[in-house]
Amino acid sequence: MTLEDRVKVGRVERVDRFHAAELGCNPSLLVAPGVYVIPSERRTRPGWGGYTIPMLGLATPSGGVVSVRPDLLERTRGQLSLLNTGRPIGVAEFARLQQVSRAAIPYAYSLSGFVLYTDAEHFVPRESRARPIERNDVRGADLRRRFDGEIFAIWGMRGEIAAWSAIKLKSDDVWEIAVVTEAAYRGQGLAQETVSAATAHILEQGRVALYVHDRNNHASAKVCRSLGYVEYAEEYFSEY
């Protein structure tokens, strides 16, 4: 399957609406041919979790949309001006975006990777031992400071958290998942169990589940794809 076939931007209404809002663009740009670099004041303000995202780029079927902090507009356009090839932006373009963001905000975290989603049609649940961490459980206090949705965990032999999957309430319609398995417990399928439980919860609430992973994180990709997550697009962002 080609990259163009895998990119589903413009074909998944609820996920499209979410990304158009995140990019600060008209939804029509998600299906327009070409690469669009747009300035957005949204890139100057803290968003979910207090993080500021000065640059956010999303592949589209025949190009892409890159939303940038206004002062990065000309530099970003300059980097992408010769790369409009009529195909989805990807590794080469994201590398150039990273050059701009690292020069402007060297302390920012950046990620180049894939956006996956699932809904009731695609989800393939697995049997899971994961349970929500109770609000008064002190073992989840640190995670509670970092995530605003439910956190599903599997416990170790000594009562410690062995693996967890936490939910980010990114919008009224789209909730995103994060997952971690502690080193001593890897290779046992715990990540799949926690993600399955978190995803089931998201879908029960009538939301769409989203997952974003670095392109080199093959283990993470395998977990989500095994549960029916479907590739939506490639993405680049920097945040601090």
Protein backbone atom coordinates (compact mmCIF):
# COMPACT_ATOMS: atom_id res chain seq x y z
CA MET A 1 0.00 0.00 0.00
CA THR A 2 1.43 3.38 -1.02
CA LEU A 3 1.75 6.38 1.27
CA GLU A 4 -1.00 8.12 -0.68
CA ASP A 5 -3.33 5.16 -0.05
CA ARG A 6 -2.57 5.12 3.67
CA VAL A 7 -3.23 8.82 4.30
CA LYS A 8 -6.91 9.13 5.28
CA VAL A 9 -7.03 12.90 5.83
CA GLY A 10 -10.24 14.23 4.31
CA ARG A 11 -12.04 10.90 4.67
CA VAL A 12 -12.63 10.68 8.44
CA GLU A 13 -14.94 13.55 9.34
CA ARG A 14 -14.51 13.58 13.12
CA VAL A 15 -10.73 13.28 12.99
CA ASP A 16 -10.60 15.85 10.17
CA ARG A 17 -12.55 18.38 12.26
CA PHE A 18 -10.18 17.87 15.16
CA HIS A 19 -7.06 18.42 13.08
CA ALA A 20 -8.46 21.44 11.23
CA ALA A 21 -9.13 23.03 14.63
CA GLU A 22 -5.66 22.10 15.91
CA LEU A 23 -4.00 23.53 12.80
CA GLY A 24 -6.19 26.62 12.83
CA CYS A 25 -7.16 26.16 9.20
CA ASN A 26 -10.27 25.80 7.08
CA PRO A 27 -11.12 22.08 6.71
CA SER A 28 -11.02 22.54 2.93
CA LEU A 29 -7.21 22.77 3.12
CA LEU A 30 -7.07 19.15 4.24
CA VAL A 31 -8.14 18.02 0.77
CA ALA A 32 -6.64 20.82 -1.33
CA PRO A 33 -3.61 19.89 -3.50
CA GLY A 34 -0.30 21.44 -2.48
CA VAL A 35 1.61 22.35 0.66
CA TYR A 36 0.19 25.17 2.75
CA VAL A 37 2.19 26.97 5.43
CA ILE A 38 -0.12 29.12 7.54
CA PRO A 39 0.53 31.44 10.49
CA SER A 40 -1.63 30.83 13.55
CA GLU A 41 -1.86 32.60 16.88
CA ARG A 42 -2.83 29.20 18.27
CA ARG A 43 0.87 28.31 17.99
CA THR A 44 1.77 31.03 20.52
CA ARG A 45 -0.60 29.92 23.28
CA PRO A 46 -0.47 26.95 25.65
CA GLY A 47 -2.92 24.20 24.74
CA TRP A 48 -3.66 20.80 26.25
CA GLY A 49 -1.56 20.12 29.34
CA GLY A 50 -0.06 23.61 29.22
CA TYR A 51 2.17 22.76 26.24
CA THR A 52 2.84 25.31 23.52
CA ILE A 53 3.23 23.91 20.00
CA PRO A 54 5.02 26.48 17.80
CA MET A 55 4.92 24.19 14.77
CA LEU A 56 2.45 21.49 13.70
CA GLY A 57 2.54 19.81 10.29
CA LEU A 58 0.11 17.22 8.93
CA ALA A 59 0.37 15.22 5.70
CA THR A 60 -2.59 15.34 3.32
CA PRO A 61 -3.22 13.10 0.30
CA SER A 62 -1.51 15.48 -2.15
CA GLY A 63 0.56 17.74 0.09
CA GLY A 64 0.15 18.97 3.62
CA VAL A 65 -0.74 21.77 6.02
CA VAL A 66 1.89 23.28 8.30
CA SER A 67 0.70 25.62 11.05
CA VAL A 68 3.44 27.80 12.54
CA ARG A 69 4.03 30.57 15.02
CA PRO A 70 3.81 33.79 12.97
CA ASP A 71 7.49 34.66 13.36
CA LEU A 72 8.43 31.28 11.81
CA LEU A 73 6.30 31.75 8.70
CA GLU A 74 8.89 32.95 6.19
CA ARG A 75 11.62 30.56 7.34
CA THR A 76 9.24 27.62 7.11
CA ARG A 77 7.95 28.61 3.68
CA GLY A 78 11.53 28.96 2.51
CA GLN A 79 12.39 25.43 3.61
CA LEU A 80 9.36 23.91 1.88
CA SER A 81 9.23 26.05 -1.27
CA LEU A 82 11.10 23.52 -3.43
CA LEU A 83 9.49 20.38 -2.02
CA ASN A 84 5.93 20.61 -3.34
CA THR A 85 5.88 17.32 -5.25
CA GLY A 86 2.14 16.61 -5.32
CA ARG A 87 2.43 13.80 -2.79
CA PRO A 88 1.96 13.72 0.99
CA ILE A 89 4.71 15.49 2.91
CA GLY A 90 6.82 13.11 4.96
CA VAL A 91 10.34 12.35 6.14
CA ALA A 92 12.20 14.85 3.95
CA GLU A 93 9.80 17.70 4.63
CA PHE A 94 9.59 16.97 8.34
CA ALA A 95 13.39 17.01 8.56
CA ARG A 96 13.34 20.54 7.16
CA LEU A 97 10.62 21.58 9.59
CA GLN A 98 12.77 20.24 12.39
CA GLN A 99 15.66 22.43 11.23
CA VAL A 100 13.48 25.51 11.55
CA SER A 101 12.01 24.59 14.93
CA ARG A 102 15.35 23.56 16.44
CA ALA A 103 16.99 26.79 15.34
CA ALA A 104 14.15 28.87 16.80
CA ILE A 105 13.34 26.82 19.92
CA PRO A 106 16.32 24.52 20.62
CA TYR A 107 14.86 23.29 23.91
CA ALA A 108 11.54 22.13 22.38
CA TYR A 109 10.66 18.45 22.10
CA SER A 110 9.89 17.36 18.55
CA LEU A 111 8.27 14.27 17.05
CA SER A 112 8.05 13.01 13.48
CA GLY A 113 5.72 10.08 13.16
CA PHE A 114 2.25 8.71 12.59
CA VAL A 115 -1.27 9.57 13.69
CA LEU A 116 -3.49 6.53 14.18
CA TYR A 117 -7.16 6.40 15.12
CA THR A 118 -9.85 3.87 15.87
CA ASP A 119 -13.60 3.91 16.27
CA ALA A 120 -16.33 1.35 16.89
CA GLU A 121 -16.03 0.08 13.32
CA HIS A 122 -12.30 -0.65 13.47
CA PHE A 123 -11.59 -1.48 17.14
CA VAL A 124 -10.53 -5.06 17.90
CA PRO A 125 -10.70 -5.38 21.73
CA ARG A 126 -8.53 -7.77 23.70
CA GLU A 127 -9.13 -9.38 27.07
CA SER A 128 -7.56 -7.09 29.64
CA ARG A 129 -6.67 -7.08 33.32
CA ALA A 130 -6.24 -3.30 33.28
CA ARG A 131 -8.42 -1.26 35.61
CA PRO A 132 -8.80 2.49 36.18
CA ILE A 133 -6.55 3.94 38.86
CA GLU A 134 -8.81 5.22 41.61
CA ARG A 135 -8.75 8.97 42.16
CA ASN A 136 -7.59 8.57 45.76
CA ASP A 137 -4.82 6.06 44.95
CA VAL A 138 -1.53 7.80 45.72
CA ARG A 139 0.31 5.48 43.31
CA GLY A 140 -1.30 7.37 40.46
CA ALA A 141 -0.64 10.88 41.81
CA ASP A 142 2.20 11.69 39.41
CA LEU A 143 0.24 10.47 36.40
CA ARG A 144 -2.81 12.47 37.49
CA ARG A 145 -0.73 15.64 37.28
CA ARG A 146 0.12 14.84 33.66
CA PHE A 147 -3.16 13.48 32.27
CA ASP A 148 -6.72 14.74 32.56
CA GLY A 149 -8.57 11.56 31.56
CA GLU A 150 -8.86 8.09 33.04
CA ILE A 151 -5.67 6.08 33.55
CA PHE A 152 -5.83 2.30 33.14
CA ALA A 153 -3.13 0.23 34.84
CA ILE A 154 -1.93 -3.29 35.46
CA TRP A 155 -0.22 -3.85 38.78
CA GLY A 156 3.01 -5.70 39.54
CA MET A 157 3.63 -8.33 42.19
CA ARG A 158 4.54 -5.72 44.82
CA GLY A 159 1.58 -3.47 44.10
CA GLU A 160 3.51 -1.13 41.83
CA ILE A 161 2.22 0.05 38.46
CA ALA A 162 3.66 -2.31 35.83
CA ALA A 163 2.01 -0.74 32.77
CA TRP A 164 -0.43 2.07 32.15
CA SER A 165 -2.40 3.76 29.43
CA ALA A 166 -3.60 7.31 30.06
CA ILE A 167 -6.16 9.40 28.21
CA LYS A 168 -5.66 12.99 27.08
CA LEU A 169 -8.95 14.84 26.66
CA LYS A 170 -7.79 16.65 23.53
CA SER A 171 -11.23 17.87 22.41
CA ASP A 172 -14.92 17.26 22.98
CA ASP A 173 -14.83 14.55 20.33
CA VAL A 174 -11.27 13.18 20.15
CA TRP A 175 -9.34 11.69 23.07
CA GLU A 176 -5.71 10.64 22.71
CA ILE A 177 -3.93 7.73 24.36
CA ALA A 178 -0.45 7.51 25.88
CA VAL A 179 1.04 4.19 27.02
CA VAL A 180 4.06 3.06 29.04
CA THR A 181 5.26 -0.34 30.24
CA GLU A 182 7.93 -0.30 32.93
CA ALA A 183 11.19 -1.94 31.81
CA ALA A 184 10.93 -4.99 34.09
CA TYR A 185 7.52 -5.91 32.64
CA ARG A 186 8.08 -5.48 28.92
CA GLY A 187 7.50 -8.32 26.49
CA GLN A 188 4.43 -9.65 28.33
CA GLY A 189 1.69 -7.96 26.28
CA LEU A 190 0.75 -5.57 29.07
CA ALA A 191 0.78 -2.52 26.80
CA GLN A 192 -1.82 -4.12 24.54
CA GLU A 193 -4.04 -4.86 27.54
CA THR A 194 -3.91 -1.33 28.93
CA VAL A 195 -4.46 0.29 25.52
CA SER A 196 -7.40 -2.03 24.87
CA ALA A 197 -9.03 -1.01 28.15
CA ALA A 198 -8.42 2.70 27.57
CA THR A 199 -9.69 2.51 24.00
CA ALA A 200 -12.84 0.67 25.03
CA HIS A 201 -13.52 3.43 27.58
CA ILE A 202 -13.05 6.17 24.97
CA LEU A 203 -15.45 4.50 22.54
CA GLU A 204 -18.01 3.85 25.30
CA GLN A 205 -18.01 7.60 25.90
CA GLY A 206 -18.84 8.19 22.24
CA ARG A 207 -15.41 9.63 21.36
CA VAL A 208 -12.82 8.73 18.74
CA ALA A 209 -9.52 7.30 20.01
CA LEU A 210 -6.29 8.79 18.69
CA TYR A 211 -2.71 7.62 19.08
CA VAL A 212 0.46 9.39 17.92
CA HIS A 213 3.82 7.63 17.84
CA ASP A 214 7.34 8.37 16.68
CA ARG A 215 8.13 6.74 13.34
CA ASN A 216 10.92 4.68 14.94
CA ASN A 217 8.77 3.33 17.78
CA HIS A 218 7.87 0.06 16.07
CA ALA A 219 6.76 -1.70 19.26
CA SER A 220 4.25 1.02 20.03
CA ALA A 221 2.94 0.94 16.47
CA LYS A 222 2.49 -2.83 16.64
CA VAL A 223 0.44 -2.60 19.84
CA CYS A 224 -2.06 -0.10 18.47
CA ARG A 225 -2.36 -1.63 15.02
CA SER A 226 -3.11 -5.02 16.61
CA LEU A 227 -6.15 -3.41 18.27
CA GLY A 228 -7.53 -2.06 15.01
CA TYR A 229 -5.99 1.40 14.99
CA VAL A 230 -5.78 2.71 11.45
CA GLU A 231 -3.21 5.10 10.00
CA TYR A 232 -4.64 8.57 9.42
CA ALA A 233 -1.60 10.67 8.51
CA GLU A 234 2.03 11.45 9.13
CA GLU A 235 2.67 14.35 11.48
CA TYR A 236 5.43 16.57 12.77
CA PHE A 237 5.25 18.82 15.82
CA SER A 238 7.50 20.62 18.25
CA GLU A 239 6.33 21.53 21.75
CA TYR A 240 7.57 22.95 25.02
